[in-house]
Amino acid sequence: MPQDPIDAHMDIPGTTLFDGKMAMKGYALNKMCYAFNGADARAEYLQDPEAYFDKFGLNDEQKQACRNKNVLEMIAAGGNVYYLAKFAGIYKLNMQDIGAQQTGMTVDEFKEKLRSAGD
């Protein structure tokens, strides 16, 4: 019997699939990041990140990922990349910073990889 196409995508090496289960796991983290659409929320977060984590009910894994400012850890903790972009913006992380994290490279190495790919 052929494999279900959805199941075939469940095990992509190095990829965390954002599905219903991950959405439930990351609800508090994503709700917090969504709040960053407002300048007041960003200011409140920067004033006391730990209190802000508690305000939204983040679990220990989510809190530590945020403390580390590590997008891959936040994705593993249930974060959705679209909401996490708001979090990254607070710390002035751009797409090269995030790409470097995702590939395990320094930002300069990642930028060079992008430059050389265009050759």
C-alpha atoms as a PDB file:
ATOM      1  CA  MET A   1       0.000   0.000   0.000  1.00  0.00           C
ATOM      2  CA  PRO A   2       1.474   3.436  -0.907  1.00  0.00           C
ATOM      3  CA  GLN A   3       2.630   5.721   1.884  1.00  0.00           C
ATOM      4  CA  ASP A   4       0.345   8.621   2.783  1.00  0.00           C
ATOM      5  CA  PRO A   5       1.911  11.797   1.274  1.00  0.00           C
ATOM      6  CA  ILE A   6       1.535  13.630   4.581  1.00  0.00           C
ATOM      7  CA  ASP A   7       3.345  10.849   6.468  1.00  0.00           C
ATOM      8  CA  ALA A   8       6.139  10.939   3.878  1.00  0.00           C
ATOM      9  CA  HIS A   9       6.923  14.493   4.937  1.00  0.00           C
ATOM     10  CA  MET A  10       6.998  13.742   8.654  1.00  0.00           C
ATOM     11  CA  ASP A  11      10.639  12.686   8.646  1.00  0.00           C
ATOM     12  CA  ILE A  12      12.647  15.254   6.725  1.00  0.00           C
ATOM     13  CA  PRO A  13      16.158  15.279   8.243  1.00  0.00           C
ATOM     14  CA  GLY A  14      16.951  18.598   9.892  1.00  0.00           C
ATOM     15  CA  THR A  15      13.382  19.853   9.544  1.00  0.00           C
ATOM     16  CA  THR A  16      10.782  20.415  12.221  1.00  0.00           C
ATOM     17  CA  LEU A  17       7.380  20.052  10.649  1.00  0.00           C
ATOM     18  CA  PHE A  18       4.844  22.604  11.882  1.00  0.00           C
ATOM     19  CA  ASP A  19       1.621  20.657  12.126  1.00  0.00           C
ATOM     20  CA  GLY A  20      -1.363  20.644  14.457  1.00  0.00           C
ATOM     21  CA  LYS A  21       0.603  18.957  17.231  1.00  0.00           C
ATOM     22  CA  MET A  22       3.383  21.558  17.031  1.00  0.00           C
ATOM     23  CA  ALA A  23       0.822  24.354  16.864  1.00  0.00           C
ATOM     24  CA  MET A  24      -0.639  23.154  20.147  1.00  0.00           C
ATOM     25  CA  LYS A  25       2.823  22.763  21.678  1.00  0.00           C
ATOM     26  CA  GLY A  26       3.859  26.261  20.621  1.00  0.00           C
ATOM     27  CA  TYR A  27       0.594  28.089  21.281  1.00  0.00           C
ATOM     28  CA  ALA A  28       1.915  30.207  24.192  1.00  0.00           C
ATOM     29  CA  LEU A  29       5.160  31.066  22.366  1.00  0.00           C
ATOM     30  CA  ASN A  30       3.365  31.999  19.159  1.00  0.00           C
ATOM     31  CA  LYS A  31       0.762  34.025  21.049  1.00  0.00           C
ATOM     32  CA  MET A  32       3.558  35.948  22.770  1.00  0.00           C
ATOM     33  CA  CYS A  33       5.337  36.612  19.469  1.00  0.00           C
ATOM     34  CA  TYR A  34       2.089  37.705  17.814  1.00  0.00           C
ATOM     35  CA  ALA A  35       1.713  40.305  20.565  1.00  0.00           C
ATOM     36  CA  PHE A  36       4.938  41.896  19.317  1.00  0.00           C
ATOM     37  CA  ASN A  37       2.917  43.477  16.509  1.00  0.00           C
ATOM     38  CA  GLY A  38       2.352  46.256  19.030  1.00  0.00           C
ATOM     39  CA  ALA A  39       5.136  48.634  20.052  1.00  0.00           C
ATOM     40  CA  ASP A  40       3.863  48.660  23.649  1.00  0.00           C
ATOM     41  CA  ALA A  41       4.208  44.881  23.832  1.00  0.00           C
ATOM     42  CA  ARG A  42       7.774  45.012  22.509  1.00  0.00           C
ATOM     43  CA  ALA A  43       8.684  47.658  25.075  1.00  0.00           C
ATOM     44  CA  GLU A  44       7.064  45.654  27.896  1.00  0.00           C
ATOM     45  CA  TYR A  45       8.984  42.549  26.830  1.00  0.00           C
ATOM     46  CA  LEU A  46      12.321  44.359  26.746  1.00  0.00           C
ATOM     47  CA  GLN A  47      11.639  45.834  30.195  1.00  0.00           C
ATOM     48  CA  ASP A  48      11.343  42.363  31.793  1.00  0.00           C
ATOM     49  CA  PRO A  49      11.527  39.347  29.462  1.00  0.00           C
ATOM     50  CA  GLU A  50      11.081  36.820  32.286  1.00  0.00           C
ATOM     51  CA  ALA A  51       7.839  38.435  33.453  1.00  0.00           C
ATOM     52  CA  TYR A  52       6.667  38.526  29.843  1.00  0.00           C
ATOM     53  CA  PHE A  53       7.379  34.798  29.436  1.00  0.00           C
ATOM     54  CA  ASP A  54       5.265  34.134  32.528  1.00  0.00           C
ATOM     55  CA  LYS A  55       2.505  36.466  31.337  1.00  0.00           C
ATOM     56  CA  PHE A  56       2.032  34.233  28.285  1.00  0.00           C
ATOM     57  CA  GLY A  57       2.634  30.924  30.083  1.00  0.00           C
ATOM     58  CA  LEU A  58       5.765  29.803  28.214  1.00  0.00           C
ATOM     59  CA  ASN A  59       7.184  26.465  29.338  1.00  0.00           C
ATOM     60  CA  ASP A  60      10.838  26.031  30.348  1.00  0.00           C
ATOM     61  CA  GLU A  61      11.917  24.873  26.869  1.00  0.00           C
ATOM     62  CA  GLN A  62      10.324  27.933  25.240  1.00  0.00           C
ATOM     63  CA  LYS A  63      11.777  30.313  27.824  1.00  0.00           C
ATOM     64  CA  GLN A  64      15.292  28.940  27.342  1.00  0.00           C
ATOM     65  CA  ALA A  65      15.020  29.117  23.557  1.00  0.00           C
ATOM     66  CA  CYS A  66      13.998  32.768  23.857  1.00  0.00           C
ATOM     67  CA  ARG A  67      16.805  33.509  26.309  1.00  0.00           C
ATOM     68  CA  ASN A  68      19.222  31.942  23.812  1.00  0.00           C
ATOM     69  CA  LYS A  69      17.680  33.992  20.971  1.00  0.00           C
ATOM     70  CA  ASN A  70      17.883  30.791  18.949  1.00  0.00           C
ATOM     71  CA  VAL A  71      15.237  30.484  16.271  1.00  0.00           C
ATOM     72  CA  LEU A  72      15.851  26.760  15.679  1.00  0.00           C
ATOM     73  CA  GLU A  73      15.295  26.048  19.370  1.00  0.00           C
ATOM     74  CA  MET A  74      12.120  28.135  19.260  1.00  0.00           C
ATOM     75  CA  ILE A  75      10.885  26.165  16.235  1.00  0.00           C
ATOM     76  CA  ALA A  76      11.606  22.906  18.093  1.00  0.00           C
ATOM     77  CA  ALA A  77       9.602  24.328  21.020  1.00  0.00           C
ATOM     78  CA  GLY A  78       6.586  24.789  18.736  1.00  0.00           C
ATOM     79  CA  GLY A  79       7.319  28.210  17.312  1.00  0.00           C
ATOM     80  CA  ASN A  80       5.986  29.167  13.905  1.00  0.00           C
ATOM     81  CA  VAL A  81       8.572  30.986  11.811  1.00  0.00           C
ATOM     82  CA  TYR A  82       6.085  33.704  10.819  1.00  0.00           C
ATOM     83  CA  TYR A  83       5.470  34.640  14.449  1.00  0.00           C
ATOM     84  CA  LEU A  84       9.115  34.175  15.407  1.00  0.00           C
ATOM     85  CA  ALA A  85      10.098  36.861  12.902  1.00  0.00           C
ATOM     86  CA  LYS A  86       8.529  39.383  15.296  1.00  0.00           C
ATOM     87  CA  PHE A  87      10.719  38.080  18.109  1.00  0.00           C
ATOM     88  CA  ALA A  88      13.835  38.161  15.934  1.00  0.00           C
ATOM     89  CA  GLY A  89      13.109  41.768  14.999  1.00  0.00           C
ATOM     90  CA  ILE A  90      13.228  42.859  18.633  1.00  0.00           C
ATOM     91  CA  TYR A  91      16.875  41.776  18.724  1.00  0.00           C
ATOM     92  CA  LYS A  92      17.639  43.143  15.255  1.00  0.00           C
ATOM     93  CA  LEU A  93      18.208  39.653  13.862  1.00  0.00           C
ATOM     94  CA  ASN A  94      17.875  39.626  10.089  1.00  0.00           C
ATOM     95  CA  MET A  95      17.413  36.754   7.667  1.00  0.00           C
ATOM     96  CA  GLN A  96      21.176  36.210   7.357  1.00  0.00           C
ATOM     97  CA  ASP A  97      21.407  35.837  11.149  1.00  0.00           C
ATOM     98  CA  ILE A  98      18.581  33.304  11.127  1.00  0.00           C
ATOM     99  CA  GLY A  99      20.002  31.467   8.093  1.00  0.00           C
ATOM    100  CA  ALA A 100      23.366  31.203   9.828  1.00  0.00           C
ATOM    101  CA  GLN A 101      21.676  29.689  12.886  1.00  0.00           C
ATOM    102  CA  GLN A 102      19.806  27.206  10.731  1.00  0.00           C
ATOM    103  CA  THR A 103      22.935  26.036   8.924  1.00  0.00           C
ATOM    104  CA  GLY A 104      25.320  26.112  11.882  1.00  0.00           C
ATOM    105  CA  MET A 105      27.506  28.720  10.180  1.00  0.00           C
ATOM    106  CA  THR A 106      28.722  32.103  11.272  1.00  0.00           C
ATOM    107  CA  VAL A 107      26.890  35.017   9.692  1.00  0.00           C
ATOM    108  CA  ASP A 108      29.935  35.800   7.524  1.00  0.00           C
ATOM    109  CA  GLU A 109      30.167  32.168   6.357  1.00  0.00           C
ATOM    110  CA  PHE A 110      26.463  32.166   5.527  1.00  0.00           C
ATOM    111  CA  LYS A 111      26.724  35.426   3.571  1.00  0.00           C
ATOM    112  CA  GLU A 112      29.663  34.011   1.610  1.00  0.00           C
ATOM    113  CA  LYS A 113      27.654  30.873   0.860  1.00  0.00           C
ATOM    114  CA  LEU A 114      24.844  33.060  -0.509  1.00  0.00           C
ATOM    115  CA  ARG A 115      27.297  35.117  -2.588  1.00  0.00           C
ATOM    116  CA  SER A 116      28.980  32.045  -4.050  1.00  0.00           C
ATOM    117  CA  ALA A 117      25.613  30.435  -4.856  1.00  0.00           C
ATOM    118  CA  GLY A 118      24.898  33.343  -7.162  1.00  0.00           C
ATOM    119  CA  ASP A 119      27.997  32.655  -9.271  1.00  0.00           C
END
